[in-house]
N, C-alpha and C. Protein backbone atom coordinates (compact mmCIF):
# COMPACT_ATOMS: atom_id res chain seq x y z
N MET A 1 -7.54 -16.15 13.65
CA MET A 1 -6.30 -15.15 13.99
C MET A 1 -5.50 -15.98 14.92
N TYR A 2 -4.35 -15.77 14.42
CA TYR A 2 -3.15 -16.22 15.21
C TYR A 2 -1.83 -15.38 14.93
N LEU A 3 -1.39 -14.69 16.08
CA LEU A 3 -0.38 -13.86 16.13
C LEU A 3 -0.40 -12.62 14.98
N GLY A 4 -1.72 -12.15 14.77
CA GLY A 4 -1.91 -11.02 13.86
C GLY A 4 -2.25 -11.36 12.56
N GLY A 5 -2.14 -12.75 12.25
CA GLY A 5 -2.48 -13.19 10.81
C GLY A 5 -3.71 -13.95 10.88
N THR A 6 -4.37 -14.21 9.80
CA THR A 6 -5.43 -14.99 9.51
C THR A 6 -5.07 -16.45 9.11
N VAL A 7 -5.36 -17.42 9.86
CA VAL A 7 -5.10 -18.83 9.26
C VAL A 7 -6.29 -19.33 8.94
N SER A 8 -6.21 -19.99 7.71
CA SER A 8 -7.36 -20.78 7.22
C SER A 8 -7.29 -22.09 6.98
N ALA A 9 -8.10 -22.94 6.84
CA ALA A 9 -8.04 -24.42 6.74
C ALA A 9 -7.55 -24.79 5.55
N ASP A 10 -7.85 -24.00 4.28
CA ASP A 10 -7.46 -24.33 3.10
C ASP A 10 -6.15 -23.75 2.53
N GLN A 11 -5.28 -23.04 3.65
CA GLN A 11 -4.05 -22.53 3.30
C GLN A 11 -4.05 -21.39 2.34
N SER A 12 -5.36 -20.77 2.28
CA SER A 12 -5.31 -19.63 1.35
C SER A 12 -5.00 -18.38 2.14
N CYS A 13 -4.37 -17.44 1.43
CA CYS A 13 -4.04 -16.22 2.16
C CYS A 13 -4.89 -15.00 1.76
N VAL A 14 -5.90 -15.30 0.98
CA VAL A 14 -6.65 -14.33 0.38
C VAL A 14 -7.31 -13.19 1.54
N LYS A 15 -7.99 -13.91 2.47
CA LYS A 15 -8.64 -13.25 3.57
C LYS A 15 -7.59 -12.31 4.48
N ASP A 16 -6.39 -12.91 4.67
CA ASP A 16 -5.34 -12.18 5.26
C ASP A 16 -5.01 -10.76 4.46
N ILE A 17 -4.70 -11.06 3.20
CA ILE A 17 -4.31 -9.95 2.28
C ILE A 17 -5.27 -8.87 2.34
N GLU A 18 -6.61 -9.32 1.95
CA GLU A 18 -7.87 -8.38 2.27
C GLU A 18 -7.76 -7.68 3.42
N ARG A 19 -7.47 -8.37 4.64
CA ARG A 19 -7.62 -7.74 5.85
C ARG A 19 -6.57 -6.83 6.06
N ARG A 20 -5.34 -7.05 5.60
CA ARG A 20 -4.23 -6.18 5.74
C ARG A 20 -4.38 -4.94 4.89
N ILE A 21 -5.00 -5.09 3.70
CA ILE A 21 -5.29 -3.94 2.82
C ILE A 21 -6.36 -2.97 3.60
N GLY A 22 -7.35 -3.68 4.24
CA GLY A 22 -8.32 -3.02 4.85
C GLY A 22 -7.76 -2.08 6.12
N LEU A 23 -6.91 -2.85 6.79
CA LEU A 23 -6.43 -2.14 7.86
C LEU A 23 -5.63 -0.80 7.40
N ALA A 24 -4.70 -1.00 6.38
CA ALA A 24 -3.87 -0.09 5.78
C ALA A 24 -4.84 1.06 5.23
N ALA A 25 -5.95 0.67 4.66
CA ALA A 25 -6.89 1.60 4.00
C ALA A 25 -7.38 2.63 5.40
N GLY A 26 -7.51 2.07 6.35
CA GLY A 26 -8.02 2.85 7.36
C GLY A 26 -7.21 3.59 7.87
N ILE A 27 -5.85 3.50 7.75
CA ILE A 27 -4.62 4.35 8.14
C ILE A 27 -4.53 5.32 7.26
N VAL A 28 -4.65 5.08 5.97
CA VAL A 28 -4.65 6.05 4.92
C VAL A 28 -5.74 7.11 4.94
N ARG A 29 -6.98 6.71 5.28
CA ARG A 29 -8.21 7.45 5.49
C ARG A 29 -7.93 8.62 6.64
N LYS A 30 -7.25 8.01 7.83
CA LYS A 30 -7.03 8.93 8.91
C LYS A 30 -6.05 9.85 8.74
N LEU A 31 -5.02 9.53 7.67
CA LEU A 31 -4.00 10.48 7.49
C LEU A 31 -4.34 11.33 6.27
N GLY A 32 -5.65 11.49 5.79
CA GLY A 32 -6.14 12.15 4.65
C GLY A 32 -5.62 13.73 4.65
N LYS A 33 -5.74 14.35 5.95
CA LYS A 33 -5.35 15.69 5.91
C LYS A 33 -3.84 16.00 5.52
N ILE A 34 -2.98 14.81 5.97
CA ILE A 34 -1.65 15.00 5.73
C ILE A 34 -1.25 14.75 4.30
N TRP A 35 -1.85 13.84 3.46
CA TRP A 35 -1.70 13.59 2.27
C TRP A 35 -1.94 14.83 1.37
N SER A 36 -2.95 15.58 1.75
CA SER A 36 -3.48 16.77 0.96
C SER A 36 -2.93 18.18 1.50
N ALA A 37 -1.90 17.97 2.71
CA ALA A 37 -1.30 19.30 3.17
C ALA A 37 -0.21 19.78 2.00
N LYS A 38 -0.35 20.95 1.74
CA LYS A 38 0.65 21.57 0.95
C LYS A 38 2.03 21.95 1.59
N ASN A 39 2.02 22.17 2.84
CA ASN A 39 3.40 22.52 3.63
C ASN A 39 4.19 21.36 4.12
N ILE A 40 3.59 20.14 3.68
CA ILE A 40 4.35 18.80 4.09
C ILE A 40 5.15 18.32 2.76
N SER A 41 6.31 17.98 2.96
CA SER A 41 6.96 17.62 1.57
C SER A 41 6.66 16.31 1.32
N LYS A 42 7.00 15.91 -0.02
CA LYS A 42 6.45 14.69 -0.54
C LYS A 42 7.54 13.56 -0.01
N VAL A 43 8.75 14.01 0.33
CA VAL A 43 9.59 13.03 1.03
C VAL A 43 9.13 12.68 2.37
N THR A 44 8.55 13.62 3.33
CA THR A 44 7.99 13.21 4.44
C THR A 44 6.66 12.31 4.33
N LYS A 45 5.88 12.81 3.32
CA LYS A 45 4.76 11.68 3.05
C LYS A 45 5.05 10.48 2.77
N VAL A 46 6.07 10.33 1.79
CA VAL A 46 6.63 8.79 1.53
C VAL A 46 7.03 8.29 2.69
N THR A 47 7.82 8.86 3.36
CA THR A 47 8.30 8.32 4.69
C THR A 47 7.34 7.79 5.73
N LEU A 48 6.09 8.62 5.80
CA LEU A 48 4.98 8.31 6.65
C LEU A 48 4.38 7.08 6.07
N TYR A 49 4.32 7.00 4.72
CA TYR A 49 3.57 5.85 3.84
C TYR A 49 4.40 4.75 4.08
N LYS A 50 5.83 4.72 4.04
CA LYS A 50 6.35 3.50 4.22
C LYS A 50 6.41 2.90 5.62
N ARG A 51 6.35 3.86 6.62
CA ARG A 51 6.57 3.33 7.90
C ARG A 51 5.17 3.11 8.64
N LEU A 52 4.09 3.80 8.19
CA LEU A 52 2.77 3.52 8.83
C LEU A 52 1.98 2.51 7.84
N VAL A 53 1.85 2.92 6.69
CA VAL A 53 1.07 1.97 5.63
C VAL A 53 1.67 0.64 5.18
N GLN A 54 2.78 0.94 4.76
CA GLN A 54 3.52 -0.29 4.18
C GLN A 54 3.64 -1.42 5.32
N SER A 55 4.11 -1.04 6.50
CA SER A 55 4.36 -1.86 7.37
C SER A 55 3.04 -2.60 8.04
N VAL A 56 2.05 -2.02 7.94
CA VAL A 56 0.83 -2.84 8.06
C VAL A 56 0.42 -3.82 7.09
N VAL A 57 0.59 -3.39 5.84
CA VAL A 57 0.34 -4.17 4.76
C VAL A 57 1.27 -5.45 4.71
N LEU A 58 2.45 -5.30 4.96
CA LEU A 58 3.37 -6.27 4.82
C LEU A 58 3.67 -7.20 6.13
N TYR A 59 2.79 -6.84 7.18
CA TYR A 59 3.03 -7.56 8.38
C TYR A 59 2.59 -9.19 8.12
N ASN A 60 3.36 -9.98 8.41
CA ASN A 60 3.18 -11.31 8.38
C ASN A 60 3.11 -11.94 6.91
N ALA A 61 3.62 -11.00 5.91
CA ALA A 61 3.53 -11.37 4.68
C ALA A 61 4.30 -12.48 4.15
N GLU A 62 5.39 -12.73 4.83
CA GLU A 62 6.33 -14.04 4.69
C GLU A 62 5.54 -15.23 4.65
N THR A 63 4.39 -15.42 5.13
CA THR A 63 3.58 -16.49 5.27
C THR A 63 2.87 -16.63 3.95
N TRP A 64 2.51 -15.64 3.08
CA TRP A 64 1.60 -15.76 1.98
C TRP A 64 2.14 -16.30 0.87
N THR A 65 1.24 -17.06 0.26
CA THR A 65 1.64 -17.63 -1.15
C THR A 65 0.89 -16.79 -2.13
N LEU A 66 1.68 -15.87 -2.68
CA LEU A 66 1.14 -14.83 -3.68
C LEU A 66 0.83 -15.37 -5.03
N LYS A 67 -0.28 -15.00 -5.55
CA LYS A 67 -0.67 -15.47 -6.79
C LYS A 67 -0.81 -14.11 -7.54
N GLN A 68 -1.04 -14.12 -9.04
CA GLN A 68 -1.10 -12.90 -9.62
C GLN A 68 -2.25 -11.97 -9.19
N GLU A 69 -3.52 -12.51 -8.80
CA GLU A 69 -4.73 -11.81 -8.24
C GLU A 69 -4.27 -10.99 -6.97
N HIS A 70 -3.48 -11.54 -6.12
CA HIS A 70 -3.03 -11.11 -5.00
C HIS A 70 -2.05 -9.85 -5.17
N GLN A 71 -1.00 -10.03 -6.15
CA GLN A 71 -0.01 -9.01 -6.60
C GLN A 71 -0.75 -7.88 -7.14
N ARG A 72 -1.87 -8.13 -7.85
CA ARG A 72 -2.49 -7.05 -8.60
C ARG A 72 -3.25 -6.34 -7.54
N LYS A 73 -3.81 -6.84 -6.40
CA LYS A 73 -4.74 -6.16 -5.44
C LYS A 73 -3.65 -5.31 -4.60
N LEU A 74 -2.50 -5.86 -4.20
CA LEU A 74 -1.52 -5.07 -3.57
C LEU A 74 -1.04 -4.04 -4.41
N GLY A 75 -0.82 -4.11 -5.60
CA GLY A 75 -0.32 -3.07 -6.45
C GLY A 75 -1.42 -1.78 -6.76
N VAL A 76 -2.63 -2.34 -6.85
CA VAL A 76 -3.65 -1.34 -7.05
C VAL A 76 -3.81 -0.36 -5.89
N PHE A 77 -3.88 -0.97 -4.70
CA PHE A 77 -3.91 -0.30 -3.30
C PHE A 77 -2.70 0.59 -3.25
N GLU A 78 -1.39 0.07 -3.40
CA GLU A 78 -0.41 1.03 -3.37
C GLU A 78 -0.44 2.11 -4.41
N MET A 79 -0.88 1.94 -5.40
CA MET A 79 -0.88 3.09 -6.36
C MET A 79 -1.83 4.12 -5.95
N ALA A 80 -2.99 3.69 -5.45
CA ALA A 80 -4.14 4.44 -5.11
C ALA A 80 -3.51 5.48 -4.06
N VAL A 81 -2.68 4.98 -2.99
CA VAL A 81 -2.06 5.60 -2.07
C VAL A 81 -1.07 6.76 -2.61
N LEU A 82 -0.20 6.29 -3.41
CA LEU A 82 0.83 7.26 -3.89
C LEU A 82 0.22 8.24 -4.83
N LYS A 83 -0.86 7.86 -5.62
CA LYS A 83 -1.44 8.84 -6.43
C LYS A 83 -2.07 10.00 -5.44
N ARG A 84 -2.59 9.53 -4.35
CA ARG A 84 -3.18 10.46 -3.27
C ARG A 84 -1.95 11.44 -2.90
N ILE A 85 -1.00 10.69 -2.49
CA ILE A 85 0.22 11.51 -2.00
C ILE A 85 0.72 12.56 -2.94
N CYS A 86 0.88 12.21 -4.30
CA CYS A 86 1.18 13.23 -5.35
C CYS A 86 0.06 14.16 -5.73
N GLY A 87 -1.12 13.77 -5.55
CA GLY A 87 -2.21 14.70 -5.73
C GLY A 87 -2.75 14.47 -7.25
N VAL A 88 -2.56 13.47 -7.64
CA VAL A 88 -2.78 12.90 -9.04
C VAL A 88 -4.11 12.18 -8.97
N THR A 89 -5.00 12.63 -9.97
CA THR A 89 -6.27 11.88 -10.11
C THR A 89 -6.15 11.01 -11.45
N ARG A 90 -7.38 10.32 -11.61
CA ARG A 90 -7.28 9.43 -12.84
C ARG A 90 -7.41 10.32 -14.24
N ARG A 91 -8.09 11.33 -13.86
CA ARG A 91 -7.95 12.16 -15.10
C ARG A 91 -6.87 12.73 -15.64
N ASP A 92 -5.81 12.77 -14.82
CA ASP A 92 -4.42 13.20 -15.17
C ASP A 92 -3.74 12.29 -16.15
N ARG A 93 -4.10 11.11 -15.89
CA ARG A 93 -3.55 10.00 -16.96
C ARG A 93 -2.01 9.97 -16.79
N LYS A 94 -1.49 9.82 -15.64
CA LYS A 94 -0.18 9.72 -15.45
C LYS A 94 0.13 8.20 -15.25
N ARG A 95 1.15 7.72 -15.66
CA ARG A 95 1.60 6.41 -15.69
C ARG A 95 2.20 5.99 -14.26
N ASN A 96 1.99 4.71 -13.89
CA ASN A 96 2.27 4.38 -12.54
C ASN A 96 3.95 4.74 -12.24
N ILE A 97 4.71 4.33 -13.21
CA ILE A 97 6.04 4.38 -13.16
C ILE A 97 6.53 5.93 -12.96
N ASP A 98 5.94 6.71 -13.56
CA ASP A 98 6.11 8.14 -13.42
C ASP A 98 5.89 8.62 -12.16
N ILE A 99 4.75 8.18 -11.54
CA ILE A 99 4.43 8.53 -10.03
C ILE A 99 5.57 8.16 -9.21
N MET A 100 5.86 6.89 -9.37
CA MET A 100 6.87 6.24 -8.51
C MET A 100 8.23 7.04 -8.55
N ASN A 101 8.50 7.38 -9.92
CA ASN A 101 9.84 8.02 -9.97
C ASN A 101 9.62 9.43 -9.34
N ALA A 102 8.51 10.13 -9.51
CA ALA A 102 8.40 11.32 -8.85
C ALA A 102 8.39 11.34 -7.46
N LEU A 103 8.06 10.26 -6.63
CA LEU A 103 8.22 10.21 -5.34
C LEU A 103 9.48 9.42 -4.97
N ASP A 104 10.40 9.08 -5.89
CA ASP A 104 11.72 8.60 -5.59
C ASP A 104 11.48 7.11 -4.94
N ILE A 105 10.53 6.41 -5.34
CA ILE A 105 10.50 5.01 -4.75
C ILE A 105 10.97 3.95 -5.92
N ASP A 106 11.90 3.18 -5.30
CA ASP A 106 12.57 2.29 -6.39
C ASP A 106 12.03 0.93 -6.59
N GLU A 107 11.24 0.33 -5.48
CA GLU A 107 10.54 -0.98 -5.60
C GLU A 107 9.20 -0.86 -5.05
N ASP A 108 8.19 -1.38 -5.69
CA ASP A 108 6.84 -1.38 -4.99
C ASP A 108 6.67 -2.53 -4.18
N VAL A 109 5.40 -2.66 -3.55
CA VAL A 109 5.20 -3.38 -2.36
C VAL A 109 5.40 -4.94 -2.73
N VAL A 110 4.99 -5.29 -3.97
CA VAL A 110 5.08 -6.65 -4.43
C VAL A 110 6.69 -7.18 -4.53
N GLU A 111 7.48 -6.18 -5.03
CA GLU A 111 8.85 -6.41 -5.01
C GLU A 111 9.55 -6.55 -3.59
N GLN A 112 8.98 -5.81 -2.71
CA GLN A 112 9.56 -5.79 -1.46
C GLN A 112 9.38 -7.26 -0.85
N LEU A 113 8.21 -7.87 -1.20
CA LEU A 113 7.81 -9.20 -0.59
C LEU A 113 8.71 -10.16 -1.15
């Protein structure tokens, strides 16, 4: 660990990405009641997501060398959180782009990198 990021001898960023996703998943779990609250607007939930969850995932991301596998992991995590915010389950069979449009999100986490 150096300045909040994991440094490896083989210059791989896999462990750092997995660690960041794990930290953000912990935040998502702690905010579980907020995601399911009916009296909180989706705009507020998306703002919380961007400020609390995305900032943890993207911390130190400028040092990462992203491969397709890493992009997929980040995308899967992000969509799981956004589906939770919308209250959509896998049975609803909604497309990812439709969920992002419903939440008024222009770019995903990989595009922000």
